Amino acid sequence: MRYLTQLFSGLVFGVGLALAGMTSPQKVLAFLDVSDQWDPSLLFVLGGAVVVAAVAFHWTLRRARPVLEPQFHAGAARKGDAGLIAGSAVFGVGWGIGGYCPGPAVALLAAPWNAEAPFLLGGLLVGIASHVVWEKFRSGETLGKEP
């Protein structure tokens, strides 16, 4: 049941991204380019997402436990560090250059053929792998061995 819920949530998320135009790099770049012909329509998408998330978190956190899990799984709060700031900067630059956020990039898999998608998703996977390698190097772990 948990996997079906995750699949359904992902499908709803992907459909929402597609309906909002987030899978179109031209729409995203028009939103990010405030100097020329700015398209503020994605502000409504952002606002809607904030409202839905606020209501969902309010309702969810009032429960003693999640519906399909024995307990909540929340990460520990931590302060921002150089890695977080650098990662955020790389994320933002990549989004600005390509016009795709990782969520809409994955949603492209369900869209009609897009010649950019394999390169975009390949770059996304290289970025994830680079982060894993960097963190293992930084912590002194050996690659290929589980901790």
C-alpha atoms as a PDB file:
ATOM      1  CA  MET A   1       0.000   0.000   0.000  1.00  0.00           C
ATOM      2  CA  ARG A   2       2.879   2.355   0.806  1.00  0.00           C
ATOM      3  CA  TYR A   3       4.384   1.928  -2.682  1.00  0.00           C
ATOM      4  CA  LEU A   4       1.024   2.589  -4.339  1.00  0.00           C
ATOM      5  CA  THR A   5       0.673   5.763  -2.287  1.00  0.00           C
ATOM      6  CA  GLN A   6       4.162   6.861  -3.326  1.00  0.00           C
ATOM      7  CA  LEU A   7       3.389   6.117  -6.982  1.00  0.00           C
ATOM      8  CA  PHE A   8       0.110   8.020  -6.805  1.00  0.00           C
ATOM      9  CA  SER A   9       1.799  10.984  -5.100  1.00  0.00           C
ATOM     10  CA  GLY A  10       4.506  11.061  -7.759  1.00  0.00           C
ATOM     11  CA  LEU A  11       1.940  10.903 -10.555  1.00  0.00           C
ATOM     12  CA  VAL A  12      -0.079  13.750  -9.051  1.00  0.00           C
ATOM     13  CA  PHE A  13       3.123  15.780  -8.641  1.00  0.00           C
ATOM     14  CA  GLY A  14       4.183  15.113 -12.242  1.00  0.00           C
ATOM     15  CA  VAL A  15       0.763  15.980 -13.649  1.00  0.00           C
ATOM     16  CA  GLY A  16       0.775  19.179 -11.614  1.00  0.00           C
ATOM     17  CA  LEU A  17       4.204  20.124 -12.965  1.00  0.00           C
ATOM     18  CA  ALA A  18       3.065  19.483 -16.527  1.00  0.00           C
ATOM     19  CA  LEU A  19      -0.196  21.416 -16.114  1.00  0.00           C
ATOM     20  CA  ALA A  20       1.676  24.359 -14.573  1.00  0.00           C
ATOM     21  CA  GLY A  21       4.102  24.508 -17.482  1.00  0.00           C
ATOM     22  CA  MET A  22       7.116  23.611 -15.348  1.00  0.00           C
ATOM     23  CA  THR A  23       8.255  21.054 -17.928  1.00  0.00           C
ATOM     24  CA  SER A  24       8.694  23.852 -20.470  1.00  0.00           C
ATOM     25  CA  PRO A  25      12.115  25.486 -20.137  1.00  0.00           C
ATOM     26  CA  GLN A  26      10.875  28.515 -22.082  1.00  0.00           C
ATOM     27  CA  LYS A  27       8.202  29.160 -19.440  1.00  0.00           C
ATOM     28  CA  VAL A  28      10.659  28.716 -16.565  1.00  0.00           C
ATOM     29  CA  LEU A  29      13.306  30.908 -18.190  1.00  0.00           C
ATOM     30  CA  ALA A  30      10.670  33.591 -18.898  1.00  0.00           C
ATOM     31  CA  PHE A  31       9.863  33.532 -15.172  1.00  0.00           C
ATOM     32  CA  LEU A  32      13.519  33.737 -14.147  1.00  0.00           C
ATOM     33  CA  ASP A  33      14.339  36.543 -16.609  1.00  0.00           C
ATOM     34  CA  VAL A  34      12.965  39.612 -14.848  1.00  0.00           C
ATOM     35  CA  SER A  35      14.867  42.011 -17.107  1.00  0.00           C
ATOM     36  CA  ASP A  36      13.095  41.352 -20.408  1.00  0.00           C
ATOM     37  CA  GLN A  37       9.570  39.984 -20.840  1.00  0.00           C
ATOM     38  CA  TRP A  38       8.957  38.592 -17.380  1.00  0.00           C
ATOM     39  CA  ASP A  39       6.220  35.952 -17.041  1.00  0.00           C
ATOM     40  CA  PRO A  40       4.991  36.036 -13.416  1.00  0.00           C
ATOM     41  CA  SER A  41       2.479  33.188 -13.884  1.00  0.00           C
ATOM     42  CA  LEU A  42       4.674  30.682 -12.012  1.00  0.00           C
ATOM     43  CA  LEU A  43       4.213  32.814  -8.888  1.00  0.00           C
ATOM     44  CA  PHE A  44       0.663  31.432  -8.780  1.00  0.00           C
ATOM     45  CA  VAL A  45       2.063  27.903  -8.965  1.00  0.00           C
ATOM     46  CA  LEU A  46       4.449  28.704  -6.107  1.00  0.00           C
ATOM     47  CA  GLY A  47       1.684  30.313  -4.074  1.00  0.00           C
ATOM     48  CA  GLY A  48      -0.621  27.340  -4.609  1.00  0.00           C
ATOM     49  CA  ALA A  49       2.132  24.940  -3.580  1.00  0.00           C
ATOM     50  CA  VAL A  50       2.824  26.905  -0.398  1.00  0.00           C
ATOM     51  CA  VAL A  51      -0.862  26.915   0.564  1.00  0.00           C
ATOM     52  CA  VAL A  52      -1.278  23.174  -0.098  1.00  0.00           C
ATOM     53  CA  ALA A  53       1.941  22.355   1.807  1.00  0.00           C
ATOM     54  CA  ALA A  54       0.980  24.562   4.763  1.00  0.00           C
ATOM     55  CA  VAL A  55      -2.437  22.906   5.092  1.00  0.00           C
ATOM     56  CA  ALA A  56      -0.968  19.412   4.641  1.00  0.00           C
ATOM     57  CA  PHE A  57       1.795  19.956   7.212  1.00  0.00           C
ATOM     58  CA  HIS A  58      -0.657  21.474   9.686  1.00  0.00           C
ATOM     59  CA  TRP A  59      -3.001  18.490   9.341  1.00  0.00           C
ATOM     60  CA  THR A  60      -0.229  15.882   9.260  1.00  0.00           C
ATOM     61  CA  LEU A  61       1.749  17.114  12.252  1.00  0.00           C
ATOM     62  CA  ARG A  62      -1.349  17.103  14.441  1.00  0.00           C
ATOM     63  CA  ARG A  63      -1.493  13.335  14.094  1.00  0.00           C
ATOM     64  CA  ALA A  64       0.253  11.022  16.548  1.00  0.00           C
ATOM     65  CA  ARG A  65       1.735   9.014  13.661  1.00  0.00           C
ATOM     66  CA  PRO A  66       1.549   8.851   9.872  1.00  0.00           C
ATOM     67  CA  VAL A  67      -1.218   6.834   8.213  1.00  0.00           C
ATOM     68  CA  LEU A  68       1.058   4.226   6.591  1.00  0.00           C
ATOM     69  CA  GLU A  69       4.112   4.281   8.896  1.00  0.00           C
ATOM     70  CA  PRO A  70       4.601   3.548  12.595  1.00  0.00           C
ATOM     71  CA  GLN A  71       6.389   6.897  13.169  1.00  0.00           C
ATOM     72  CA  PHE A  72       7.393  10.136  11.482  1.00  0.00           C
ATOM     73  CA  HIS A  73      10.824  10.231   9.852  1.00  0.00           C
ATOM     74  CA  ALA A  74      12.253  13.735  10.081  1.00  0.00           C
ATOM     75  CA  GLY A  75      15.869  14.710   9.560  1.00  0.00           C
ATOM     76  CA  ALA A  76      17.752  16.559  12.242  1.00  0.00           C
ATOM     77  CA  ALA A  77      17.796  20.320  11.927  1.00  0.00           C
ATOM     78  CA  ARG A  78      21.195  21.694  11.025  1.00  0.00           C
ATOM     79  CA  LYS A  79      22.702  25.025  10.206  1.00  0.00           C
ATOM     80  CA  GLY A  80      23.658  25.961   6.684  1.00  0.00           C
ATOM     81  CA  ASP A  81      27.275  25.278   5.816  1.00  0.00           C
ATOM     82  CA  ALA A  82      29.557  25.867   2.841  1.00  0.00           C
ATOM     83  CA  GLY A  83      28.400  22.642   1.167  1.00  0.00           C
ATOM     84  CA  LEU A  84      24.758  23.646   1.404  1.00  0.00           C
ATOM     85  CA  ILE A  85      25.471  27.100   0.014  1.00  0.00           C
ATOM     86  CA  ALA A  86      27.657  25.741  -2.805  1.00  0.00           C
ATOM     87  CA  GLY A  87      25.088  23.069  -3.675  1.00  0.00           C
ATOM     88  CA  SER A  88      22.301  25.637  -3.720  1.00  0.00           C
ATOM     89  CA  ALA A  89      24.346  27.859  -6.011  1.00  0.00           C
ATOM     90  CA  VAL A  90      25.115  25.001  -8.424  1.00  0.00           C
ATOM     91  CA  PHE A  91      21.433  23.983  -8.374  1.00  0.00           C
ATOM     92  CA  GLY A  92      20.308  27.533  -9.137  1.00  0.00           C
ATOM     93  CA  VAL A  93      22.862  28.079 -11.903  1.00  0.00           C
ATOM     94  CA  GLY A  94      21.964  24.747 -13.511  1.00  0.00           C
ATOM     95  CA  TRP A  95      18.277  25.562 -13.311  1.00  0.00           C
ATOM     96  CA  GLY A  96      18.857  28.987 -14.812  1.00  0.00           C
ATOM     97  CA  ILE A  97      21.011  27.659 -17.658  1.00  0.00           C
ATOM     98  CA  GLY A  98      18.877  24.650 -18.528  1.00  0.00           C
ATOM     99  CA  GLY A  99      15.449  25.890 -17.552  1.00  0.00           C
ATOM    100  CA  TYR A 100      14.647  22.639 -15.760  1.00  0.00           C
ATOM    101  CA  CYS A 101      14.349  21.840 -12.083  1.00  0.00           C
ATOM    102  CA  PRO A 102      15.024  18.145 -11.250  1.00  0.00           C
ATOM    103  CA  GLY A 103      11.334  17.406 -10.614  1.00  0.00           C
ATOM    104  CA  PRO A 104      10.169  18.576 -14.044  1.00  0.00           C
ATOM    105  CA  ALA A 105      13.239  16.963 -15.588  1.00  0.00           C
ATOM    106  CA  VAL A 106      12.107  13.564 -14.304  1.00  0.00           C
ATOM    107  CA  ALA A 107       8.546  14.366 -15.432  1.00  0.00           C
ATOM    108  CA  LEU A 108       9.952  14.644 -18.971  1.00  0.00           C
ATOM    109  CA  LEU A 109      10.268  10.860 -18.960  1.00  0.00           C
ATOM    110  CA  ALA A 110       6.481  10.649 -19.341  1.00  0.00           C
ATOM    111  CA  ALA A 111       6.325  13.336 -22.046  1.00  0.00           C
ATOM    112  CA  PRO A 112       6.632  12.841 -25.783  1.00  0.00           C
ATOM    113  CA  TRP A 113      10.267  12.514 -26.898  1.00  0.00           C
ATOM    114  CA  ASN A 114      12.393  15.477 -25.901  1.00  0.00           C
ATOM    115  CA  ALA A 115      15.952  15.498 -27.260  1.00  0.00           C
ATOM    116  CA  GLU A 116      17.190  17.412 -24.187  1.00  0.00           C
ATOM    117  CA  ALA A 117      15.884  14.897 -21.645  1.00  0.00           C
ATOM    118  CA  PRO A 118      18.666  12.271 -21.863  1.00  0.00           C
ATOM    119  CA  PHE A 119      21.372  14.927 -21.474  1.00  0.00           C
ATOM    120  CA  LEU A 120      19.532  16.643 -18.659  1.00  0.00           C
ATOM    121  CA  LEU A 121      18.877  13.445 -16.744  1.00  0.00           C
ATOM    122  CA  GLY A 122      22.429  12.251 -17.428  1.00  0.00           C
ATOM    123  CA  GLY A 123      23.762  15.489 -15.970  1.00  0.00           C
ATOM    124  CA  LEU A 124      21.464  15.094 -12.986  1.00  0.00           C
ATOM    125  CA  LEU A 125      22.787  11.580 -12.332  1.00  0.00           C
ATOM    126  CA  VAL A 126      26.398  12.763 -12.727  1.00  0.00           C
ATOM    127  CA  GLY A 127      25.691  15.510 -10.198  1.00  0.00           C
ATOM    128  CA  ILE A 128      24.209  13.055  -7.710  1.00  0.00           C
ATOM    129  CA  ALA A 129      27.130  10.647  -8.144  1.00  0.00           C
ATOM    130  CA  SER A 130      29.619  13.507  -7.768  1.00  0.00           C
ATOM    131  CA  HIS A 131      28.008  14.489  -4.491  1.00  0.00           C
ATOM    132  CA  VAL A 132      28.183  10.912  -3.183  1.00  0.00           C
ATOM    133  CA  VAL A 133      31.855  10.614  -4.169  1.00  0.00           C
ATOM    134  CA  TRP A 134      32.677  14.002  -2.631  1.00  0.00           C
ATOM    135  CA  GLU A 135      30.960  13.192   0.664  1.00  0.00           C
ATOM    136  CA  LYS A 136      32.745   9.829   0.916  1.00  0.00           C
ATOM    137  CA  PHE A 137      36.078  11.497   0.098  1.00  0.00           C
ATOM    138  CA  ARG A 138      35.449  14.246   2.636  1.00  0.00           C
ATOM    139  CA  SER A 139      34.531  11.784   5.386  1.00  0.00           C
ATOM    140  CA  GLY A 140      37.469   9.471   4.616  1.00  0.00           C
ATOM    141  CA  GLU A 141      35.294   6.513   3.593  1.00  0.00           C
ATOM    142  CA  THR A 142      36.406   4.102   0.910  1.00  0.00           C
ATOM    143  CA  LEU A 143      34.353   4.089  -2.274  1.00  0.00           C
ATOM    144  CA  GLY A 144      32.438   0.902  -2.950  1.00  0.00           C
ATOM    145  CA  LYS A 145      32.198  -0.177   0.693  1.00  0.00           C
ATOM    146  CA  GLU A 146      29.124   0.234   2.816  1.00  0.00           C
ATOM    147  CA  PRO A 147      29.683   2.021   6.150  1.00  0.00           C
END
